[in-house]
Amino acid sequence: KQDLIRLLPFVITAIILILYLTFRSWRGVILPLSTVLISMIWSIGLQQLIGKSLSLVSTVLPVLLVSVGSAYAIHIIARYYEDINQGKGIEETVKAAIKHVGIAVIMAGFTTIVGFASLLFSDLTIIQDFALGTAFGVAVALLSALLFVPAVLLHLKIPVKVVSAEERKISAGFFRFLTKRVFQNRRGIMLLVLLFVIVSLAVLPKLKPETNYISYFKEGSKTRVATELVDDILGGTQGVDVIVHGNIKDDQLLKEMRNFQDEAEQLPHLNNAISMVNIFREENKALNGDDPQMSIIPDNSKQIAQYLLLLEMSDKEMLENYLTFDYQKSRIQFTMETLSSSRQKEILDQLQGLVDKHFSDKYQVEITGIPSMANEITNLVVSGQIKSLLSAILFTFLITSILLKSVKRGIFTTIPIALTVLINFGIMGLFGISLDIATVMIASIAVGIGVDYSIHIFTRYLEERDYNSAKPADAVKTAIFTVGKANLYNAIAVIAGFCVILFSSFPPLVSFGGLTALTMVVSFFGALLVLPVLIMTS
């Protein structure tokens, strides 16, 4: 909540500044911002309506919608200004903007919605809630850009001439540089892409999942310091419970519990074992004059039954913590120190090995507790990443292929974003950034948002080819100089929004913001360099 209150004003201010520098008019600021605010209000309203509370992940939802939701209005307004500069009337300009940019905006919106909605395939409800809120918010922003923005533009006066990208020295030089690279260094671009792919694949095995909750807090924070102190002094903060099914009066079962517990206590980072074994040992010792040599368990069923009767008469409440009333389920409790997910899994696997050794198939045994749940969450993070990413890429390919009426065109628009995802994973592996509940969403988000740049470039290229009968080279140049401008404005707005998340108080969200901003940079240049090269060489 503190992050939301602190970061949202910054991202709104950043977007306002970027929009004003982009269009140099207040309508170019207010209209995109209006679509964003509408989508944000509706999305948060939906979350409240269906009873979803604010979570660690959904905290960034308003910030994300502010930066992402402005994209559709930016492209419509950019095309509106482009046609106004050519002397067209208001009505003609608005109609032309919807006709020529509308399909691209719809495709971009659908693919972004698909990117976020693919996170619904995750088995973690915290990510599913985020997916629902963002997908709905993007849908509202898309409809607002297609309906609300044109309606308002029809009722506004013709604006003062806006300087186009070609006329601005900085942007013109930038786009000329990109165009020159596309036409003169195609082989160099493809070799550079190949190098990135090879390096990313090489470091991909280093990418590890991590669900250790203590990593959500910064080094030196009170929570982290307190946890580390408890680990050092008291042997751990996380409970590990081993539930053994079987009658505790069975002396053979009790012996196996003892043997298992004694061996389990030798495992690293696993401490403070306590169960009926400890209780029987203390009881037997007390009944034999506190003789340390008598700290042993009963050796037959009759003696066990007598000891249980005494315990029920003296401290039944304590007994209930480790044994069910019918004596059929026993609890062996440990504490585990706070560890990385991989190390935690190693110890749990060793513990499972001891379970198999001592109880085999004769007794049913379950290992549970916070580390076990964290281990399961790690598995869900990985499986959810695979399912959501594959579904996002597949549906993006299908949508672009259908709307562009060509499988080949669908492949071309999908290739730059597939490269972006691979490079993202490569960077994470190279710098040791873990795959956690925040960073697991980046790949799907990169697919949904990043493919927009390729869609807009390709549709403008097709427009120049089909409507203006331009040659391929001229069509590519026009696409880079016109739609490339809107892509640049859009990318800057999105990147600025995600960069604000770098100031979050939670390290996973910091990684999420930085990596997502980086993927936007990669996907932007992929659309303006890799896609044109593919077009020109096909």
Protein backbone atom coordinates (compact mmCIF):
# COMPACT_ATOMS: atom_id res chain seq x y z
CA LYS A 1 0.00 0.00 0.00
CA GLN A 2 2.84 2.36 0.83
CA ASP A 3 4.46 1.58 -2.53
CA LEU A 4 1.19 2.31 -4.34
CA ILE A 5 0.67 5.65 -2.60
CA ARG A 6 4.30 6.64 -3.13
CA LEU A 7 4.88 5.44 -6.71
CA LEU A 8 1.59 6.21 -8.48
CA PRO A 9 2.00 10.04 -8.39
CA PHE A 10 5.51 9.67 -9.82
CA VAL A 11 4.45 7.51 -12.75
CA ILE A 12 1.50 9.81 -13.57
CA THR A 13 3.83 12.83 -13.49
CA ALA A 14 6.33 11.04 -15.72
CA ILE A 15 3.63 10.09 -18.25
CA ILE A 16 2.27 13.66 -18.32
CA LEU A 17 5.75 15.04 -18.98
CA ILE A 18 6.47 12.49 -21.72
CA LEU A 19 3.11 13.06 -23.43
CA TYR A 20 3.56 16.83 -23.39
CA LEU A 21 7.08 16.61 -24.82
CA THR A 22 5.73 14.20 -27.43
CA PHE A 23 2.72 16.13 -28.73
CA ARG A 24 3.43 19.64 -27.42
CA SER A 25 -0.31 20.06 -26.77
CA TRP A 26 -2.61 19.51 -23.83
CA ARG A 27 -5.02 17.39 -25.83
CA GLY A 28 -2.11 15.04 -26.47
CA VAL A 29 -1.70 14.78 -22.69
CA ILE A 30 -5.27 14.77 -21.40
CA LEU A 31 -6.78 12.27 -23.86
CA PRO A 32 -4.28 9.40 -23.33
CA LEU A 33 -4.25 10.10 -19.61
CA SER A 34 -8.07 10.00 -19.53
CA THR A 35 -8.13 6.51 -21.07
CA VAL A 36 -5.57 5.39 -18.50
CA LEU A 37 -7.53 6.78 -15.53
CA ILE A 38 -10.76 5.22 -16.81
CA SER A 39 -9.10 1.82 -17.16
CA MET A 40 -7.43 2.11 -13.76
CA ILE A 41 -10.67 3.02 -11.97
CA TRP A 42 -12.61 0.24 -13.70
CA SER A 43 -9.91 -2.36 -13.01
CA ILE A 44 -9.62 -1.51 -9.31
CA GLY A 45 -13.42 -1.39 -9.14
CA LEU A 46 -13.63 -4.91 -10.61
CA GLN A 47 -11.14 -6.18 -8.03
CA GLN A 48 -13.25 -4.77 -5.23
CA LEU A 49 -16.49 -6.01 -6.80
CA ILE A 50 -15.33 -9.63 -6.88
CA GLY A 51 -13.76 -9.37 -3.42
CA LYS A 52 -10.06 -9.43 -4.33
CA SER A 53 -7.73 -7.69 -1.88
CA LEU A 54 -4.52 -5.83 -2.64
CA SER A 55 -1.56 -8.24 -2.80
CA LEU A 56 2.20 -7.94 -3.24
CA VAL A 57 1.82 -8.40 -7.00
CA SER A 58 -1.38 -6.43 -7.62
CA THR A 59 0.18 -3.41 -5.90
CA VAL A 60 1.81 -2.53 -9.22
CA LEU A 61 -1.45 -2.86 -11.20
CA PRO A 62 -2.34 0.87 -11.22
CA VAL A 63 1.25 1.85 -12.00
CA LEU A 64 1.37 -0.67 -14.84
CA LEU A 65 -1.96 0.44 -16.34
CA VAL A 66 -0.87 4.09 -16.33
CA SER A 67 2.22 3.30 -18.41
CA VAL A 68 0.76 0.56 -20.64
CA GLY A 69 -2.79 1.87 -21.13
CA SER A 70 -1.70 5.10 -22.78
CA ALA A 71 -0.23 3.26 -25.81
CA TYR A 72 -3.44 2.93 -27.83
CA ALA A 73 -4.44 6.58 -27.53
CA ILE A 74 -0.86 7.62 -28.38
CA HIS A 75 -0.98 5.82 -31.74
CA ILE A 76 -4.39 7.24 -32.66
CA ILE A 77 -3.41 10.79 -31.71
CA ALA A 78 -0.03 10.47 -33.48
CA ARG A 79 -1.80 9.46 -36.71
CA TYR A 80 -4.36 12.23 -36.15
CA TYR A 81 -1.59 14.84 -35.98
CA GLU A 82 0.20 13.32 -38.99
CA ASP A 83 -2.93 13.76 -41.18
CA ILE A 84 -3.79 17.19 -39.74
CA ASN A 85 -0.35 18.39 -40.86
CA GLN A 86 -1.31 17.37 -44.39
CA GLY A 87 -4.22 19.82 -44.39
CA LYS A 88 -7.09 17.37 -43.92
CA GLY A 89 -10.28 18.33 -42.06
CA ILE A 90 -11.21 17.15 -38.56
CA GLU A 91 -13.78 14.54 -39.56
CA GLU A 92 -11.65 13.18 -42.41
CA THR A 93 -8.61 13.02 -40.14
CA VAL A 94 -10.40 11.16 -37.34
CA LYS A 95 -11.91 8.66 -39.79
CA ALA A 96 -8.52 8.11 -41.44
CA ALA A 97 -6.87 7.58 -38.06
CA ILE A 98 -9.40 4.91 -37.09
CA LYS A 99 -9.28 3.31 -40.55
CA HIS A 100 -5.51 3.07 -40.86
CA VAL A 101 -4.42 2.71 -37.22
CA GLY A 102 -7.54 1.10 -35.76
CA ILE A 103 -6.75 -2.45 -36.90
CA ALA A 104 -3.18 -2.20 -35.59
CA VAL A 105 -4.43 -0.80 -32.27
CA ILE A 106 -7.00 -3.61 -31.98
CA MET A 107 -4.35 -6.24 -32.73
CA ALA A 108 -1.97 -4.64 -30.26
CA GLY A 109 -4.71 -4.50 -27.64
CA PHE A 110 -5.74 -8.12 -28.18
CA THR A 111 -2.17 -9.39 -27.97
CA THR A 112 -1.55 -7.38 -24.79
CA ILE A 113 -4.75 -8.76 -23.26
CA VAL A 114 -3.65 -12.26 -24.27
CA GLY A 115 -0.22 -11.66 -22.73
CA PHE A 116 -1.73 -10.74 -19.38
CA ALA A 117 -4.57 -13.29 -19.59
CA SER A 118 -2.02 -16.08 -20.19
CA LEU A 119 -1.00 -15.62 -16.56
CA LEU A 120 -4.39 -17.12 -15.65
CA PHE A 121 -2.79 -20.48 -16.49
CA SER A 122 -0.64 -20.06 -13.38
CA ASP A 123 -1.71 -22.19 -10.41
CA LEU A 124 -0.97 -19.31 -8.01
CA THR A 125 -4.09 -17.28 -7.19
CA ILE A 126 -2.01 -14.17 -6.49
CA ILE A 127 -0.86 -14.17 -10.14
CA GLN A 128 -4.32 -15.11 -11.45
CA ASP A 129 -5.83 -12.08 -9.68
CA PHE A 130 -3.16 -9.85 -11.21
CA ALA A 131 -3.83 -11.33 -14.66
CA LEU A 132 -7.56 -10.69 -14.42
CA GLY A 133 -7.13 -7.10 -13.25
CA THR A 134 -4.57 -6.13 -15.88
CA ALA A 135 -6.30 -7.90 -18.79
CA PHE A 136 -9.58 -6.18 -17.92
CA GLY A 137 -7.85 -2.82 -17.46
CA VAL A 138 -6.11 -3.07 -20.84
CA ALA A 139 -9.42 -3.98 -22.49
CA VAL A 140 -11.04 -0.87 -21.02
CA ALA A 141 -8.09 1.29 -22.14
CA LEU A 142 -8.38 -0.16 -25.65
CA LEU A 143 -12.11 0.57 -25.89
CA SER A 144 -11.59 4.07 -24.49
CA ALA A 145 -8.92 4.78 -27.12
CA LEU A 146 -11.14 3.52 -29.95
CA LEU A 147 -14.39 5.17 -28.82
CA PHE A 148 -13.77 7.95 -26.33
CA VAL A 149 -10.67 9.56 -27.92
CA PRO A 150 -12.08 9.87 -31.49
CA ALA A 151 -15.38 11.20 -30.13
CA VAL A 152 -13.57 13.96 -28.22
CA LEU A 153 -11.28 14.78 -31.16
CA LEU A 154 -14.33 15.36 -33.39
CA HIS A 155 -15.48 18.15 -31.06
CA LEU A 156 -12.14 19.93 -30.77
CA LYS A 157 -10.83 22.64 -33.05
CA ILE A 158 -8.03 21.98 -35.53
CA PRO A 159 -4.80 22.19 -33.49
CA VAL A 160 -1.78 24.31 -34.25
CA LYS A 161 0.64 22.51 -36.59
CA VAL A 162 2.62 19.89 -34.70
CA VAL A 163 6.22 19.22 -35.70
CA SER A 164 6.54 15.69 -37.07
CA ALA A 165 9.32 13.23 -36.36
CA GLU A 166 10.92 13.97 -39.71
CA GLU A 167 11.18 17.67 -38.84
CA ARG A 168 12.65 17.23 -35.37
CA LYS A 169 16.42 17.15 -35.54
CA ILE A 170 16.98 14.66 -32.74
CA SER A 171 14.24 12.18 -33.69
CA ALA A 172 14.95 12.57 -37.42
CA GLY A 173 18.61 11.74 -36.88
CA PHE A 174 17.65 8.77 -34.72
CA PHE A 175 15.27 7.32 -37.33
CA ARG A 176 17.75 7.97 -40.13
CA PHE A 177 20.35 6.04 -38.16
CA LEU A 178 17.97 3.08 -37.71
CA THR A 179 16.98 3.11 -41.38
CA LYS A 180 20.62 3.20 -42.44
CA ARG A 181 21.38 0.16 -40.27
CA VAL A 182 18.45 -1.77 -41.77
CA PHE A 183 19.53 -1.15 -45.36
CA GLN A 184 23.31 -1.22 -44.97
CA ASN A 185 23.97 -3.63 -42.09
CA ARG A 186 21.42 -6.42 -42.41
CA ARG A 187 24.05 -9.12 -42.00
CA GLY A 188 25.54 -7.33 -38.99
CA ILE A 189 22.10 -7.09 -37.35
CA MET A 190 21.42 -10.80 -37.87
CA LEU A 191 24.88 -11.75 -36.55
CA LEU A 192 24.29 -9.58 -33.46
CA VAL A 193 20.91 -11.25 -32.91
CA LEU A 194 22.54 -14.67 -33.29
CA LEU A 195 25.19 -13.69 -30.72
CA PHE A 196 22.51 -12.64 -28.23
CA VAL A 197 20.67 -15.92 -28.79
CA ILE A 198 23.81 -18.03 -28.25
CA VAL A 199 24.79 -16.16 -25.07
CA SER A 200 21.23 -16.30 -23.70
CA LEU A 201 20.98 -20.05 -24.34
CA ALA A 202 24.40 -20.58 -22.72
CA VAL A 203 23.43 -18.85 -19.44
CA LEU A 204 19.83 -20.10 -19.40
CA PRO A 205 20.65 -23.10 -17.13
CA LYS A 206 21.76 -20.62 -14.46
CA LEU A 207 18.19 -19.34 -14.13
CA LYS A 208 16.80 -20.61 -10.83
CA PRO A 209 13.36 -20.29 -9.20
CA GLU A 210 13.20 -18.67 -5.76
CA THR A 211 10.23 -18.41 -3.37
CA ASN A 212 12.07 -17.60 -0.15
CA TYR A 213 9.84 -14.94 1.40
CA ILE A 214 12.73 -13.29 3.27
CA SER A 215 14.19 -12.23 -0.09
CA TYR A 216 11.15 -9.94 -0.44
CA PHE A 217 12.76 -7.69 2.17
CA LYS A 218 15.84 -5.57 1.64
CA GLU A 219 19.17 -6.30 3.33
CA GLY A 220 19.23 -4.67 6.76
CA SER A 221 15.43 -4.34 7.06
CA LYS A 222 13.95 -5.07 10.51
CA THR A 223 12.11 -8.16 9.31
CA ARG A 224 15.21 -9.65 7.69
CA VAL A 225 17.47 -8.89 10.67
CA ALA A 226 14.95 -10.38 13.12
CA THR A 227 14.56 -13.54 11.04
CA GLU A 228 18.32 -14.04 10.77
CA LEU A 229 18.62 -13.53 14.55
CA VAL A 230 16.00 -16.19 15.28
CA ASP A 231 17.71 -18.56 12.84
CA ASP A 232 21.06 -18.12 14.59
CA ILE A 233 19.83 -18.33 18.18
CA LEU A 234 16.72 -20.52 18.08
CA GLY A 235 17.50 -22.74 15.11
CA GLY A 236 14.93 -21.56 12.60
CA THR A 237 11.63 -19.77 12.02
CA GLN A 238 9.95 -22.22 9.65
CA GLY A 239 8.13 -25.27 10.92
CA VAL A 240 8.47 -28.64 9.20
CA ASP A 241 5.89 -31.22 10.21
CA VAL A 242 6.07 -34.94 9.48
CA ILE A 243 2.65 -36.56 9.91
CA VAL A 244 2.80 -40.32 10.55
CA HIS A 245 -0.36 -42.40 10.05
CA GLY A 246 -0.53 -45.46 12.31
CA ASN A 247 -1.48 -46.46 15.84
CA ILE A 248 1.04 -44.97 18.26
CA LYS A 249 0.51 -47.98 20.54
CA ASP A 250 2.32 -50.04 17.91
CA ASP A 251 5.79 -50.39 19.48
CA GLN A 252 7.38 -51.06 16.08
CA LEU A 253 5.99 -47.78 14.73
CA LEU A 254 7.30 -45.87 17.75
CA LYS A 255 10.77 -47.39 17.26
CA GLU A 256 10.79 -46.34 13.61
CA MET A 257 9.70 -42.82 14.61
CA ARG A 258 12.61 -42.70 17.06
CA ASN A 259 15.14 -43.92 14.51
CA PHE A 260 13.80 -41.54 11.88
CA GLN A 261 13.85 -38.55 14.23
CA ASP A 262 17.39 -39.27 15.45
CA GLU A 263 18.69 -39.40 11.87
CA ALA A 264 16.67 -36.37 10.74
CA GLU A 265 18.23 -34.28 13.50
CA GLN A 266 21.61 -34.82 11.85
CA LEU A 267 20.51 -33.07 8.66
CA PRO A 268 21.92 -29.53 8.26
CA HIS A 269 19.67 -26.54 9.04
CA LEU A 270 16.98 -28.83 10.52
CA ASN A 271 16.65 -28.37 14.30
CA ASN A 272 14.49 -28.64 17.42
CA ALA A 273 12.85 -32.01 16.75
CA ILE A 274 9.93 -32.80 19.04
CA SER A 275 7.28 -35.52 18.95
CA MET A 276 5.79 -38.30 21.06
CA VAL A 277 9.29 -39.79 21.09
CA ASN A 278 10.55 -36.85 23.20
CA ILE A 279 7.47 -36.92 25.41
CA PHE A 280 7.76 -40.66 26.13
CA ARG A 281 11.47 -40.29 26.84
CA GLU A 282 10.87 -37.49 29.35
CA GLU A 283 7.99 -39.38 30.94
CA ASN A 284 10.04 -42.57 31.32
CA LYS A 285 12.93 -40.57 32.78
CA ALA A 286 10.62 -38.85 35.30
CA LEU A 287 9.09 -42.17 36.37
CA ASN A 288 12.59 -43.54 37.03
CA GLY A 289 13.91 -40.88 39.37
CA ASP A 290 15.15 -38.55 36.61
CA ASP A 291 17.84 -41.05 35.69
CA PRO A 292 19.39 -39.80 32.38
CA GLN A 293 19.98 -43.43 31.39
CA MET A 294 16.21 -43.98 31.40
CA SER A 295 15.50 -41.31 28.76
CA ILE A 296 14.19 -44.01 26.42
CA ILE A 297 10.89 -44.90 24.77
CA PRO A 298 8.59 -47.68 26.04
CA ASP A 299 9.50 -51.01 24.42
CA ASN A 300 6.07 -52.69 24.23
CA SER A 301 2.46 -51.80 23.41
CA LYS A 302 1.18 -52.34 26.97
CA GLN A 303 3.69 -49.89 28.44
CA ILE A 304 2.89 -47.34 25.71
CA ALA A 305 -0.81 -47.54 26.56
CA GLN A 306 -0.07 -46.95 30.27
CA TYR A 307 2.12 -43.94 29.49
CA LEU A 308 -0.60 -42.49 27.27
CA LEU A 309 -3.15 -42.87 30.07
CA LEU A 310 -0.90 -40.97 32.47
CA LEU A 311 -0.38 -38.21 29.94
CA GLU A 312 -4.12 -37.85 29.33
CA MET A 313 -4.68 -37.48 33.04
CA SER A 314 -1.88 -34.95 33.58
CA ASP A 315 -1.50 -32.85 30.41
CA LYS A 316 -4.03 -33.76 27.76
CA GLU A 317 -3.65 -30.38 25.99
CA MET A 318 0.05 -30.94 25.34
CA LEU A 319 -0.69 -34.45 24.07
CA GLU A 320 -3.14 -33.08 21.51
CA ASN A 321 -0.34 -31.04 19.89
CA TYR A 322 1.43 -34.21 18.76
CA LEU A 323 -1.23 -36.92 18.65
CA THR A 324 -4.84 -37.20 17.49
CA PHE A 325 -7.46 -38.31 20.01
CA ASP A 326 -7.75 -41.76 18.35
CA TYR A 327 -3.95 -42.31 18.42
CA GLN A 328 -3.91 -42.86 14.63
CA LYS A 329 -1.87 -39.80 13.58
CA SER A 330 1.38 -38.58 15.15
CA ARG A 331 3.27 -35.37 14.50
CA ILE A 332 7.05 -34.99 14.38
CA GLN A 333 7.93 -31.29 14.39
CA PHE A 334 11.18 -29.60 13.31
CA THR A 335 12.27 -26.03 12.68
CA MET A 336 14.23 -25.10 9.57
CA GLU A 337 16.45 -22.09 9.09
CA THR A 338 15.58 -19.61 6.31
CA LEU A 339 17.27 -20.89 3.15
CA SER A 340 17.15 -20.50 -0.61
CA SER A 341 14.52 -22.53 -2.44
CA SER A 342 17.13 -24.84 -3.98
CA ARG A 343 18.80 -25.58 -0.62
CA GLN A 344 15.42 -26.04 1.02
CA LYS A 345 14.47 -28.57 -1.63
CA GLU A 346 17.71 -30.50 -1.07
CA ILE A 347 16.98 -30.88 2.64
CA LEU A 348 13.34 -31.83 2.06
CA ASP A 349 14.48 -34.47 -0.46
CA GLN A 350 16.90 -35.85 2.14
CA LEU A 351 14.09 -35.89 4.70
CA GLN A 352 11.87 -37.74 2.23
CA GLY A 353 14.68 -40.25 1.77
CA LEU A 354 14.68 -40.94 5.52
CA VAL A 355 10.90 -41.34 5.42
CA ASP A 356 11.22 -43.94 2.68
CA LYS A 357 13.99 -45.70 4.61
CA HIS A 358 12.19 -46.00 7.95
CA PHE A 359 8.52 -46.19 7.09
CA SER A 360 8.59 -47.61 3.51
CA ASP A 361 5.14 -48.72 2.37
CA LYS A 362 3.96 -49.97 5.76
CA TYR A 363 2.97 -46.56 7.11
CA GLN A 364 1.60 -43.49 5.34
CA VAL A 365 3.75 -40.43 6.03
CA GLU A 366 3.33 -36.82 4.88
CA ILE A 367 5.83 -33.96 5.05
CA THR A 368 4.21 -30.54 5.40
CA GLY A 369 4.91 -27.08 6.77
CA ILE A 370 6.08 -23.74 5.37
CA PRO A 371 9.19 -25.10 3.55
CA SER A 372 7.07 -27.80 1.87
CA MET A 373 4.54 -25.23 0.75
CA ALA A 374 7.34 -22.97 -0.49
CA ASN A 375 8.77 -25.91 -2.43
CA GLU A 376 5.38 -26.53 -4.02
CA ILE A 377 5.05 -22.84 -4.87
CA THR A 378 8.45 -23.06 -6.58
CA ASN A 379 7.16 -25.94 -8.70
CA LEU A 380 4.01 -23.95 -9.51
CA VAL A 381 6.09 -20.91 -10.48
CA VAL A 382 8.07 -22.97 -12.99
CA SER A 383 5.07 -24.86 -14.42
CA GLY A 384 3.03 -21.65 -14.55
CA GLN A 385 5.84 -19.86 -16.39
CA ILE A 386 5.97 -22.56 -19.04
CA LYS A 387 2.19 -22.70 -19.54
CA SER A 388 1.61 -18.94 -19.58
CA LEU A 389 4.58 -18.19 -21.85
CA LEU A 390 3.74 -20.88 -24.42
CA SER A 391 0.07 -19.86 -24.47
CA ALA A 392 0.99 -16.16 -24.83
CA ILE A 393 3.31 -16.76 -27.79
CA LEU A 394 0.88 -19.20 -29.43
CA PHE A 395 -2.17 -16.94 -29.14
CA THR A 396 -0.14 -13.91 -30.22
CA PHE A 397 0.97 -15.79 -33.32
CA LEU A 398 -2.61 -16.92 -34.06
CA ILE A 399 -4.08 -13.42 -33.60
CA THR A 400 -1.48 -11.72 -35.80
CA SER A 401 -1.70 -14.46 -38.44
CA ILE A 402 -5.51 -14.18 -38.62
CA LEU A 403 -5.70 -10.38 -38.62
CA LEU A 404 -2.75 -9.97 -41.00
CA LYS A 405 -4.18 -12.78 -43.14
CA SER A 406 -0.88 -14.59 -43.40
CA VAL A 407 0.98 -17.20 -41.34
CA LYS A 408 4.26 -15.78 -42.62
CA ARG A 409 3.35 -12.31 -41.36
CA GLY A 410 2.35 -13.82 -38.03
CA ILE A 411 5.75 -15.50 -37.76
CA PHE A 412 7.56 -12.25 -38.65
CA THR A 413 5.76 -10.26 -35.93
CA THR A 414 6.34 -13.03 -33.38
CA ILE A 415 10.09 -13.53 -33.98
CA PRO A 416 11.24 -10.19 -32.43
CA ILE A 417 9.21 -10.80 -29.27
CA ALA A 418 10.42 -14.40 -28.98
CA LEU A 419 13.98 -13.04 -29.11
CA THR A 420 13.06 -10.50 -26.43
CA VAL A 421 11.80 -13.24 -24.09
CA LEU A 422 14.95 -15.32 -24.63
CA ILE A 423 17.21 -12.32 -23.97
CA ASN A 424 15.21 -11.54 -20.81
CA PHE A 425 15.83 -15.05 -19.47
CA GLY A 426 19.46 -14.78 -20.53
CA ILE A 427 19.92 -11.55 -18.56
CA MET A 428 18.26 -13.12 -15.51
CA GLY A 429 20.56 -16.13 -15.71
CA LEU A 430 23.66 -14.00 -16.36
CA PHE A 431 23.10 -11.70 -13.36
CA GLY A 432 21.66 -14.33 -11.02
CA ILE A 433 18.16 -12.85 -10.89
CA SER A 434 15.74 -15.47 -9.58
CA LEU A 435 12.45 -16.54 -11.08
CA ASP A 436 9.96 -15.55 -8.35
CA ILE A 437 6.28 -14.56 -8.10
CA ALA A 438 7.07 -11.14 -9.62
CA THR A 439 9.69 -11.91 -12.29
CA VAL A 440 7.70 -14.95 -13.47
CA MET A 441 5.23 -12.54 -15.06
CA ILE A 442 7.78 -10.62 -17.16
CA ALA A 443 7.95 -13.00 -20.13
CA SER A 444 4.18 -13.05 -20.67
CA ILE A 445 3.95 -9.28 -20.20
CA ALA A 446 6.83 -8.80 -22.66
CA VAL A 447 4.96 -10.86 -25.24
CA GLY A 448 1.70 -8.97 -24.74
CA ILE A 449 3.15 -5.46 -24.73
CA GLY A 450 6.31 -5.87 -26.78
CA VAL A 451 4.59 -7.35 -29.84
CA ASP A 452 2.65 -4.08 -30.21
CA TYR A 453 5.68 -2.37 -31.72
CA SER A 454 6.06 -5.03 -34.42
CA ILE A 455 2.33 -4.97 -35.19
CA HIS A 456 2.31 -1.21 -35.77
CA ILE A 457 5.42 -1.33 -37.99
CA PHE A 458 4.09 -4.21 -40.07
CA THR A 459 0.59 -2.78 -40.54
CA ARG A 460 2.01 0.60 -41.65
CA TYR A 461 4.34 -1.22 -44.05
CA LEU A 462 1.34 -3.08 -45.52
CA GLU A 463 -0.66 0.14 -45.73
CA GLU A 464 2.08 1.80 -47.77
CA ARG A 465 2.35 -1.24 -50.02
CA ASP A 466 -1.40 -1.79 -50.52
CA TYR A 467 -2.84 1.75 -50.52
CA ASN A 468 0.08 3.81 -51.83
CA SER A 469 1.71 1.14 -54.05
CA ALA A 470 5.07 1.89 -52.48
CA LYS A 471 8.12 -0.24 -53.12
CA PRO A 472 9.20 -2.49 -50.19
CA ALA A 473 12.20 -0.30 -49.33
CA ASP A 474 10.12 2.90 -49.40
CA ALA A 475 7.35 1.26 -47.38
CA VAL A 476 9.83 0.18 -44.70
CA LYS A 477 11.33 3.69 -44.53
CA THR A 478 7.90 5.28 -44.18
CA ALA A 479 6.91 2.83 -41.46
CA ILE A 480 10.08 3.54 -39.48
CA PHE A 481 9.76 7.32 -39.80
CA THR A 482 6.01 7.50 -39.00
CA VAL A 483 4.88 4.61 -36.83
CA GLY A 484 8.39 4.41 -35.43
CA LYS A 485 7.76 7.82 -33.92
CA ALA A 486 4.59 6.66 -32.13
CA ASN A 487 6.40 3.48 -31.06
CA LEU A 488 9.17 5.62 -29.58
CA TYR A 489 6.72 7.75 -27.60
CA ASN A 490 4.87 4.64 -26.47
CA ALA A 491 8.09 2.85 -25.47
CA ILE A 492 9.36 5.85 -23.50
CA ALA A 493 6.05 6.07 -21.61
CA VAL A 494 6.01 2.34 -20.82
CA ILE A 495 9.69 2.24 -19.87
CA ALA A 496 9.29 5.29 -17.62
CA GLY A 497 6.34 3.64 -15.90
CA PHE A 498 8.22 0.44 -15.18
CA CYS A 499 11.34 2.34 -14.12
CA VAL A 500 9.30 3.99 -11.37
CA ILE A 501 8.79 0.50 -9.89
CA LEU A 502 12.57 0.41 -9.33
CA PHE A 503 11.87 2.55 -6.26
CA SER A 504 9.62 -0.11 -4.70
CA SER A 505 10.50 -1.27 -1.19
CA PHE A 506 10.25 -4.94 -2.27
CA PRO A 507 13.28 -6.40 -4.12
CA PRO A 508 11.16 -8.75 -6.35
CA LEU A 509 9.20 -5.77 -7.64
CA VAL A 510 12.44 -3.86 -8.22
CA SER A 511 13.68 -6.73 -10.42
CA PHE A 512 10.28 -6.88 -12.10
CA GLY A 513 10.31 -3.17 -12.94
CA GLY A 514 13.89 -3.09 -14.19
CA LEU A 515 13.67 -6.25 -16.29
CA THR A 516 10.31 -5.34 -17.83
CA ALA A 517 11.65 -1.91 -18.78
CA LEU A 518 14.66 -3.61 -20.36
CA THR A 519 12.45 -6.01 -22.34
CA MET A 520 10.54 -3.00 -23.68
CA VAL A 521 13.82 -1.52 -24.94
CA VAL A 522 14.76 -4.82 -26.61
CA SER A 523 11.32 -5.32 -28.18
CA PHE A 524 11.28 -1.70 -29.44
CA PHE A 525 14.60 -2.13 -31.26
CA GLY A 526 13.54 -5.60 -32.38
CA ALA A 527 10.53 -4.07 -34.15
CA LEU A 528 12.57 -1.28 -35.78
CA LEU A 529 15.63 -3.34 -36.73
CA VAL A 530 14.97 -7.10 -36.77
CA LEU A 531 11.46 -6.96 -38.28
CA PRO A 532 12.45 -4.62 -41.18
CA VAL A 533 15.45 -6.85 -41.92
CA LEU A 534 13.14 -9.90 -42.06
CA ILE A 535 10.79 -8.01 -44.38
CA MET A 536 13.57 -6.84 -46.68
CA THR A 537 15.21 -10.28 -46.93
CA SER A 538 11.97 -12.22 -47.49
